[in-house]
Amino acid sequence: ALRGDFGLLTDRLNAPDGVNLLANTSVIALGVLFAPVT
């Protein structure tokens, strides 16, 4: 998300259909908060 490359449907798994991040326990807020560390 810090690079502007983020969506609620990600194409980085299950190509080509993708993965719905909200249908999974994807801890989006934590991931964005710790993005600099990551």
All heavy atoms as atom14 arrays in JSON, in Angstrom:
{
  "sequence": "ALRGDFGLLTDRLNAPDGVNLLANTSVIALGVLFAPVT",
  "atom14_mask": [
    [1, 1, 1, 1, 1, 0, 0, 0, 0, 0, 0, 0, 0, 0],
    [1, 1, 1, 1, 1, 1, 1, 1, 0, 0, 0, 0, 0, 0],
    [1, 1, 1, 1, 1, 1, 1, 1, 1, 1, 1, 0, 0, 0],
    [1, 1, 1, 1, 0, 0, 0, 0, 0, 0, 0, 0, 0, 0],
    [1, 1, 1, 1, 1, 1, 1, 1, 0, 0, 0, 0, 0, 0],
    [1, 1, 1, 1, 1, 1, 1, 1, 1, 1, 1, 0, 0, 0],
    [1, 1, 1, 1, 0, 0, 0, 0, 0, 0, 0, 0, 0, 0],
    [1, 1, 1, 1, 1, 1, 1, 1, 0, 0, 0, 0, 0, 0],
    [1, 1, 1, 1, 1, 1, 1, 1, 0, 0, 0, 0, 0, 0],
    [1, 1, 1, 1, 1, 1, 1, 0, 0, 0, 0, 0, 0, 0],
    [1, 1, 1, 1, 1, 1, 1, 1, 0, 0, 0, 0, 0, 0],
    [1, 1, 1, 1, 1, 1, 1, 1, 1, 1, 1, 0, 0, 0],
    [1, 1, 1, 1, 1, 1, 1, 1, 0, 0, 0, 0, 0, 0],
    [1, 1, 1, 1, 1, 1, 1, 1, 0, 0, 0, 0, 0, 0],
    [1, 1, 1, 1, 1, 0, 0, 0, 0, 0, 0, 0, 0, 0],
    [1, 1, 1, 1, 1, 1, 1, 0, 0, 0, 0, 0, 0, 0],
    [1, 1, 1, 1, 1, 1, 1, 1, 0, 0, 0, 0, 0, 0],
    [1, 1, 1, 1, 0, 0, 0, 0, 0, 0, 0, 0, 0, 0],
    [1, 1, 1, 1, 1, 1, 1, 0, 0, 0, 0, 0, 0, 0],
    [1, 1, 1, 1, 1, 1, 1, 1, 0, 0, 0, 0, 0, 0],
    [1, 1, 1, 1, 1, 1, 1, 1, 0, 0, 0, 0, 0, 0],
    [1, 1, 1, 1, 1, 1, 1, 1, 0, 0, 0, 0, 0, 0],
    [1, 1, 1, 1, 1, 0, 0, 0, 0, 0, 0, 0, 0, 0],
    [1, 1, 1, 1, 1, 1, 1, 1, 0, 0, 0, 0, 0, 0],
    [1, 1, 1, 1, 1, 1, 1, 0, 0, 0, 0, 0, 0, 0],
    [1, 1, 1, 1, 1, 1, 0, 0, 0, 0, 0, 0, 0, 0],
    [1, 1, 1, 1, 1, 1, 1, 0, 0, 0, 0, 0, 0, 0],
    [1, 1, 1, 1, 1, 1, 1, 1, 0, 0, 0, 0, 0, 0],
    [1, 1, 1, 1, 1, 0, 0, 0, 0, 0, 0, 0, 0, 0],
    [1, 1, 1, 1, 1, 1, 1, 1, 0, 0, 0, 0, 0, 0],
    [1, 1, 1, 1, 0, 0, 0, 0, 0, 0, 0, 0, 0, 0],
    [1, 1, 1, 1, 1, 1, 1, 0, 0, 0, 0, 0, 0, 0],
    [1, 1, 1, 1, 1, 1, 1, 1, 0, 0, 0, 0, 0, 0],
    [1, 1, 1, 1, 1, 1, 1, 1, 1, 1, 1, 0, 0, 0],
    [1, 1, 1, 1, 1, 0, 0, 0, 0, 0, 0, 0, 0, 0],
    [1, 1, 1, 1, 1, 1, 1, 0, 0, 0, 0, 0, 0, 0],
    [1, 1, 1, 1, 1, 1, 1, 0, 0, 0, 0, 0, 0, 0],
    [1, 1, 1, 1, 1, 1, 1, 0, 0, 0, 0, 0, 0, 0]
  ],
  "atom14_positions": [
    [[0.83, -1.21, 0.0], [0.0, 0.0, 0.0], [0.87, 1.26, 0.0], [0.48, 2.29, -0.57], [-0.93, -0.01, 1.2], [0.0, 0.0, 0.0], [0.0, 0.0, 0.0], [0.0, 0.0, 0.0], [0.0, 0.0, 0.0], [0.0, 0.0, 0.0], [0.0, 0.0, 0.0], [0.0, 0.0, 0.0], [0.0, 0.0, 0.0], [0.0, 0.0, 0.0]],
    [[2.05, 1.19, 0.63], [2.94, 2.36, 0.64], [3.48, 2.67, -0.74], [3.92, 3.79, -1.01], [4.11, 2.12, 1.61], [3.8, 2.16, 3.1], [5.08, 2.16, 3.9], [2.94, 3.36, 3.48], [0.0, 0.0, 0.0], [0.0, 0.0, 0.0], [0.0, 0.0, 0.0], [0.0, 0.0, 0.0], [0.0, 0.0, 0.0], [0.0, 0.0, 0.0]],
    [[3.45, 1.69, -1.63], [3.92, 1.89, -2.99], [2.78, 2.18, -3.96], [2.99, 2.27, -5.17], [4.69, 0.65, -3.46], [5.93, 0.34, -2.62], [6.56, -0.97, -3.04], [7.84, -1.19, -2.38], [8.56, -2.3, -2.49], [8.11, -3.3, -3.22], [9.71, -2.42, -1.85], [0.0, 0.0, 0.0], [0.0, 0.0, 0.0], [0.0, 0.0, 0.0]],
    [[1.58, 2.28, -3.43], [0.42, 2.52, -4.28], [0.0, 1.3, -5.07], [-0.75, 1.42, -6.05], [0.0, 0.0, 0.0], [0.0, 0.0, 0.0], [0.0, 0.0, 0.0], [0.0, 0.0, 0.0], [0.0, 0.0, 0.0], [0.0, 0.0, 0.0], [0.0, 0.0, 0.0], [0.0, 0.0, 0.0], [0.0, 0.0, 0.0], [0.0, 0.0, 0.0]],
    [[0.45, 0.14, -4.66], [0.13, -1.11, -5.37], [-0.65, -2.02, -4.43], [-0.1, -2.95, -3.84], [1.43, -1.79, -5.83], [1.17, -3.09, -6.58], [0.04, -3.29, -7.03], [2.11, -3.91, -6.69], [0.0, 0.0, 0.0], [0.0, 0.0, 0.0], [0.0, 0.0, 0.0], [0.0, 0.0, 0.0], [0.0, 0.0, 0.0], [0.0, 0.0, 0.0]],
    [[-1.93, -1.73, -4.27], [-2.73, -2.49, -3.33], [-4.2, -2.41, -3.72], [-4.68, -1.39, -4.19], [-2.56, -1.93, -1.91], [-3.35, -2.66, -0.86], [-2.9, -3.87, -0.35], [-4.56, -2.15, -0.41], [-3.64, -4.55, 0.6], [-5.3, -2.82, 0.55], [-4.84, -4.03, 1.05], [0.0, 0.0, 0.0], [0.0, 0.0, 0.0], [0.0, 0.0, 0.0]],
    [[-4.89, -3.52, -3.52], [-6.32, -3.57, -3.76], [-6.95, -4.63, -2.89], [-6.27, -5.54, -2.4], [0.0, 0.0, 0.0], [0.0, 0.0, 0.0], [0.0, 0.0, 0.0], [0.0, 0.0, 0.0], [0.0, 0.0, 0.0], [0.0, 0.0, 0.0], [0.0, 0.0, 0.0], [0.0, 0.0, 0.0], [0.0, 0.0, 0.0], [0.0, 0.0, 0.0]],
    [[-8.25, -4.52, -2.66], [-8.94, -5.51, -1.84], [-8.99, -6.87, -2.52], [-9.2, -7.89, -1.86], [-10.35, -5.02, -1.51], [-10.43, -3.72, -0.7], [-11.88, -3.34, -0.44], [-9.68, -3.87, 0.62], [0.0, 0.0, 0.0], [0.0, 0.0, 0.0], [0.0, 0.0, 0.0], [0.0, 0.0, 0.0], [0.0, 0.0, 0.0], [0.0, 0.0, 0.0]],
    [[-8.8, -6.89, -3.83], [-8.62, -8.14, -4.57], [-7.18, -8.16, -5.05], [-6.79, -7.36, -5.9], [-9.58, -8.23, -5.75], [-9.44, -9.49, -6.62], [-9.96, -10.72, -5.86], [-10.19, -9.33, -7.94], [0.0, 0.0, 0.0], [0.0, 0.0, 0.0], [0.0, 0.0, 0.0], [0.0, 0.0, 0.0], [0.0, 0.0, 0.0], [0.0, 0.0, 0.0]],
    [[-6.36, -9.06, -4.48], [-4.96, -9.1, -4.86], [-4.71, -10.17, -5.9], [-5.31, -11.25, -5.87], [-4.06, -9.36, -3.63], [-2.7, -9.39, -4.05], [-4.4, -10.67, -2.95], [0.0, 0.0, 0.0], [0.0, 0.0, 0.0], [0.0, 0.0, 0.0], [0.0, 0.0, 0.0], [0.0, 0.0, 0.0], [0.0, 0.0, 0.0], [0.0, 0.0, 0.0]],
    [[-3.82, -9.87, -6.84], [-3.45, -10.83, -7.89], [-2.15, -11.54, -7.57], [-1.58, -12.21, -8.43], [-3.35, -10.12, -9.24], [-2.29, -9.03, -9.24], [-1.66, -8.77, -8.18], [-2.07, -8.41, -10.31], [0.0, 0.0, 0.0], [0.0, 0.0, 0.0], [0.0, 0.0, 0.0], [0.0, 0.0, 0.0], [0.0, 0.0, 0.0], [0.0, 0.0, 0.0]],
    [[-1.66, -11.43, -6.31], [-0.37, -12.01, -5.96], [-0.48, -13.44, -5.46], [0.51, -14.02, -5.02], [0.33, -11.13, -4.92], [0.51, -9.69, -5.39], [1.19, -9.63, -6.76], [0.99, -8.38, -7.44], [1.85, -7.38, -7.44], [2.96, -7.49, -6.74], [1.6, -6.29, -8.11], [0.0, 0.0, 0.0], [0.0, 0.0, 0.0], [0.0, 0.0, 0.0]],
    [[-1.67, -14.01, -5.51], [-1.89, -15.42, -5.16], [-3.11, -15.88, -5.94], [-3.94, -15.08, -6.36], [-2.13, -15.56, -3.65], [-2.0, -16.96, -3.05], [-0.55, -17.47, -3.18], [-2.39, -16.96, -1.57], [0.0, 0.0, 0.0], [0.0, 0.0, 0.0], [0.0, 0.0, 0.0], [0.0, 0.0, 0.0], [0.0, 0.0, 0.0], [0.0, 0.0, 0.0]],
    [[-3.17, -17.2, -6.16], [-4.3, -17.78, -6.88], [-4.46, -17.16, -8.26], [-5.57, -16.86, -8.71], [-5.6, -17.62, -6.08], [-6.74, -18.43, -6.66], [-6.56, -19.55, -7.13], [-7.94, -17.87, -6.63], [0.0, 0.0, 0.0], [0.0, 0.0, 0.0], [0.0, 0.0, 0.0], [0.0, 0.0, 0.0], [0.0, 0.0, 0.0], [0.0, 0.0, 0.0]],
    [[-3.34, -16.96, -8.95], [-3.41, -16.42, -10.3], [-4.17, -17.4, -11.22], [-4.0, -18.61, -11.1], [-1.99, -16.2, -10.85], [0.0, 0.0, 0.0], [0.0, 0.0, 0.0], [0.0, 0.0, 0.0], [0.0, 0.0, 0.0], [0.0, 0.0, 0.0], [0.0, 0.0, 0.0], [0.0, 0.0, 0.0], [0.0, 0.0, 0.0], [0.0, 0.0, 0.0]],
    [[-5.02, -16.88, -12.11], [-5.28, -15.47, -12.38], [-6.48, -14.89, -11.61], [-6.78, -13.71, -11.74], [-5.58, -15.48, -13.88], [-6.33, -16.78, -14.06], [-5.68, -17.76, -13.1], [0.0, 0.0, 0.0], [0.0, 0.0, 0.0], [0.0, 0.0, 0.0], [0.0, 0.0, 0.0], [0.0, 0.0, 0.0], [0.0, 0.0, 0.0], [0.0, 0.0, 0.0]],
    [[-7.21, -15.73, -10.85], [-8.44, -15.27, -10.2], [-8.18, -14.28, -9.08], [-8.96, -13.36, -8.84], [-9.23, -16.46, -9.64], [-9.73, -17.38, -10.74], [-9.81, -16.92, -11.9], [-10.04, -18.55, -10.44], [0.0, 0.0, 0.0], [0.0, 0.0, 0.0], [0.0, 0.0, 0.0], [0.0, 0.0, 0.0], [0.0, 0.0, 0.0], [0.0, 0.0, 0.0]],
    [[-7.09, -14.49, -8.33], [-6.77, -13.62, -7.21], [-7.44, -14.04, -5.92], [-8.15, -15.05, -5.84], [0.0, 0.0, 0.0], [0.0, 0.0, 0.0], [0.0, 0.0, 0.0], [0.0, 0.0, 0.0], [0.0, 0.0, 0.0], [0.0, 0.0, 0.0], [0.0, 0.0, 0.0], [0.0, 0.0, 0.0], [0.0, 0.0, 0.0], [0.0, 0.0, 0.0]],
    [[-7.22, -13.26, -4.88], [-7.72, -13.54, -3.53], [-8.41, -12.29, -2.99], [-7.85, -11.19, -3.06], [-6.58, -13.96, -2.58], [-7.06, -14.05, -1.14], [-5.98, -15.29, -3.03], [0.0, 0.0, 0.0], [0.0, 0.0, 0.0], [0.0, 0.0, 0.0], [0.0, 0.0, 0.0], [0.0, 0.0, 0.0], [0.0, 0.0, 0.0], [0.0, 0.0, 0.0]],
    [[-9.61, -12.46, -2.46], [-10.35, -11.39, -1.81], [-9.8, -11.24, -0.4], [-10.02, -12.09, 0.46], [-11.84, -11.72, -1.79], [-12.7, -10.59, -1.28], [-12.36, -9.93, -0.31], [-13.85, -10.39, -1.93], [0.0, 0.0, 0.0], [0.0, 0.0, 0.0], [0.0, 0.0, 0.0], [0.0, 0.0, 0.0], [0.0, 0.0, 0.0], [0.0, 0.0, 0.0]],
    [[-9.09, -10.16, -0.14], [-8.43, -10.01, 1.16], [-9.42, -9.88, 2.3], [-9.14, -10.33, 3.42], [-7.5, -8.78, 1.13], [-6.26, -8.91, 0.24], [-5.45, -7.62, 0.26], [-5.39, -10.08, 0.67], [0.0, 0.0, 0.0], [0.0, 0.0, 0.0], [0.0, 0.0, 0.0], [0.0, 0.0, 0.0], [0.0, 0.0, 0.0], [0.0, 0.0, 0.0]],
    [[-10.57, -9.26, 2.07], [-11.55, -9.11, 3.15], [-12.27, -10.41, 3.45], [-12.81, -10.57, 4.55], [-12.56, -8.01, 2.79], [-12.01, -6.58, 2.86], [-13.06, -5.59, 2.43], [-11.53, -6.26, 4.27], [0.0, 0.0, 0.0], [0.0, 0.0, 0.0], [0.0, 0.0, 0.0], [0.0, 0.0, 0.0], [0.0, 0.0, 0.0], [0.0, 0.0, 0.0]],
    [[-12.3, -11.33, 2.51], [-12.87, -12.65, 2.78], [-11.9, -13.52, 3.56], [-12.26, -14.61, 3.99], [-13.26, -13.34, 1.47], [0.0, 0.0, 0.0], [0.0, 0.0, 0.0], [0.0, 0.0, 0.0], [0.0, 0.0, 0.0], [0.0, 0.0, 0.0], [0.0, 0.0, 0.0], [0.0, 0.0, 0.0], [0.0, 0.0, 0.0], [0.0, 0.0, 0.0]],
    [[-10.68, -13.02, 3.72], [-9.65, -13.69, 4.51], [-9.27, -12.79, 5.69], [-9.55, -11.59, 5.68], [-8.42, -13.97, 3.64], [-8.65, -15.03, 2.6], [-8.3, -16.19, 2.78], [-9.27, -14.66, 1.47], [0.0, 0.0, 0.0], [0.0, 0.0, 0.0], [0.0, 0.0, 0.0], [0.0, 0.0, 0.0], [0.0, 0.0, 0.0], [0.0, 0.0, 0.0]],
    [[-8.64, -13.37, 6.68], [-8.24, -12.59, 7.86], [-6.9, -11.9, 7.59], [-5.88, -12.22, 8.17], [-8.12, -13.51, 9.09], [-7.26, -14.61, 8.78], [-9.48, -14.06, 9.47], [0.0, 0.0, 0.0], [0.0, 0.0, 0.0], [0.0, 0.0, 0.0], [0.0, 0.0, 0.0], [0.0, 0.0, 0.0], [0.0, 0.0, 0.0], [0.0, 0.0, 0.0]],
    [[-6.95, -10.9, 6.7], [-5.73, -10.35, 6.13], [-5.12, -9.2, 6.92], [-4.14, -8.61, 6.47], [-6.0, -9.88, 4.7], [-7.15, -9.05, 4.65], [0.0, 0.0, 0.0], [0.0, 0.0, 0.0], [0.0, 0.0, 0.0], [0.0, 0.0, 0.0], [0.0, 0.0, 0.0], [0.0, 0.0, 0.0], [0.0, 0.0, 0.0], [0.0, 0.0, 0.0]],
    [[-5.69, -8.83, 8.09], [-5.13, -7.79, 8.98], [-4.58, -6.59, 8.22], [-3.45, -6.16, 8.43], [-4.07, -8.38, 9.94], [-4.69, -9.34, 10.92], [-2.94, -9.09, 9.19], [0.0, 0.0, 0.0], [0.0, 0.0, 0.0], [0.0, 0.0, 0.0], [0.0, 0.0, 0.0], [0.0, 0.0, 0.0], [0.0, 0.0, 0.0], [0.0, 0.0, 0.0]],
    [[-5.4, -6.04, 7.33], [-4.94, -4.98, 6.44], [-4.41, -3.78, 7.23], [-3.36, -3.21, 6.89], [-6.08, -4.55, 5.51], [-6.43, -5.7, 4.55], [-5.71, -3.3, 4.72], [-7.64, -5.44, 3.69], [0.0, 0.0, 0.0], [0.0, 0.0, 0.0], [0.0, 0.0, 0.0], [0.0, 0.0, 0.0], [0.0, 0.0, 0.0], [0.0, 0.0, 0.0]],
    [[-5.14, -3.37, 8.26], [-4.7, -2.19, 9.03], [-3.34, -2.43, 9.68], [-2.49, -1.53, 9.7], [-5.75, -1.84, 10.1], [0.0, 0.0, 0.0], [0.0, 0.0, 0.0], [0.0, 0.0, 0.0], [0.0, 0.0, 0.0], [0.0, 0.0, 0.0], [0.0, 0.0, 0.0], [0.0, 0.0, 0.0], [0.0, 0.0, 0.0], [0.0, 0.0, 0.0]],
    [[-3.12, -3.63, 10.22], [-1.82, -3.93, 10.83], [-0.73, -3.96, 9.77], [0.39, -3.48, 9.99], [-1.88, -5.28, 11.55], [-2.88, -5.43, 12.68], [-2.77, -6.82, 13.3], [-2.66, -4.36, 13.74], [0.0, 0.0, 0.0], [0.0, 0.0, 0.0], [0.0, 0.0, 0.0], [0.0, 0.0, 0.0], [0.0, 0.0, 0.0], [0.0, 0.0, 0.0]],
    [[-1.05, -4.53, 8.6], [-0.06, -4.61, 7.54], [0.36, -3.24, 7.04], [1.55, -3.0, 6.78], [0.0, 0.0, 0.0], [0.0, 0.0, 0.0], [0.0, 0.0, 0.0], [0.0, 0.0, 0.0], [0.0, 0.0, 0.0], [0.0, 0.0, 0.0], [0.0, 0.0, 0.0], [0.0, 0.0, 0.0], [0.0, 0.0, 0.0], [0.0, 0.0, 0.0]],
    [[-0.61, -2.33, 6.91], [-0.28, -0.98, 6.47], [0.49, -0.23, 7.56], [1.45, 0.49, 7.28], [-1.57, -0.23, 6.09], [-1.27, 1.23, 5.78], [-2.23, -0.89, 4.88], [0.0, 0.0, 0.0], [0.0, 0.0, 0.0], [0.0, 0.0, 0.0], [0.0, 0.0, 0.0], [0.0, 0.0, 0.0], [0.0, 0.0, 0.0], [0.0, 0.0, 0.0]],
    [[0.07, -0.4, 8.81], [0.75, 0.26, 9.92], [2.22, -0.17, 10.01], [3.11, 0.66, 10.26], [0.03, -0.06, 11.23], [0.62, 0.53, 12.52], [0.55, 2.05, 12.48], [-0.11, 0.0, 13.74], [0.0, 0.0, 0.0], [0.0, 0.0, 0.0], [0.0, 0.0, 0.0], [0.0, 0.0, 0.0], [0.0, 0.0, 0.0], [0.0, 0.0, 0.0]],
    [[2.48, -1.45, 9.79], [3.85, -1.98, 9.89], [4.54, -2.07, 8.53], [5.59, -2.71, 8.43], [3.82, -3.35, 10.56], [3.81, -3.29, 12.06], [2.65, -2.94, 12.74], [4.94, -3.54, 12.8], [2.63, -2.87, 14.12], [4.94, -3.47, 14.18], [3.78, -3.13, 14.84], [0.0, 0.0, 0.0], [0.0, 0.0, 0.0], [0.0, 0.0, 0.0]],
    [[3.97, -1.45, 7.53], [4.57, -1.52, 6.19], [6.01, -1.04, 6.16], [6.87, -1.68, 5.52], [3.71, -0.73, 5.2], [0.0, 0.0, 0.0], [0.0, 0.0, 0.0], [0.0, 0.0, 0.0], [0.0, 0.0, 0.0], [0.0, 0.0, 0.0], [0.0, 0.0, 0.0], [0.0, 0.0, 0.0], [0.0, 0.0, 0.0], [0.0, 0.0, 0.0]],
    [[6.37, 0.07, 6.82], [7.78, 0.47, 6.79], [8.71, -0.6, 7.36], [9.8, -0.84, 6.83], [7.8, 1.74, 7.66], [6.41, 2.28, 7.58], [5.53, 1.06, 7.53], [0.0, 0.0, 0.0], [0.0, 0.0, 0.0], [0.0, 0.0, 0.0], [0.0, 0.0, 0.0], [0.0, 0.0, 0.0], [0.0, 0.0, 0.0], [0.0, 0.0, 0.0]],
    [[8.28, -1.26, 8.45], [9.09, -2.33, 9.03], [9.21, -3.49, 8.05], [10.3, -4.06, 7.85], [8.48, -2.82, 10.36], [9.3, -3.97, 10.94], [8.41, -1.67, 11.36], [0.0, 0.0, 0.0], [0.0, 0.0, 0.0], [0.0, 0.0, 0.0], [0.0, 0.0, 0.0], [0.0, 0.0, 0.0], [0.0, 0.0, 0.0], [0.0, 0.0, 0.0]],
    [[8.09, -3.85, 7.43], [8.09, -4.97, 6.49], [9.0, -4.7, 5.3], [9.78, -5.56, 4.88], [6.66, -5.25, 6.0], [5.82, -5.54, 7.12], [6.62, -6.42, 5.04], [0.0, 0.0, 0.0], [0.0, 0.0, 0.0], [0.0, 0.0, 0.0], [0.0, 0.0, 0.0], [0.0, 0.0, 0.0], [0.0, 0.0, 0.0], [0.0, 0.0, 0.0]]
  ]
}
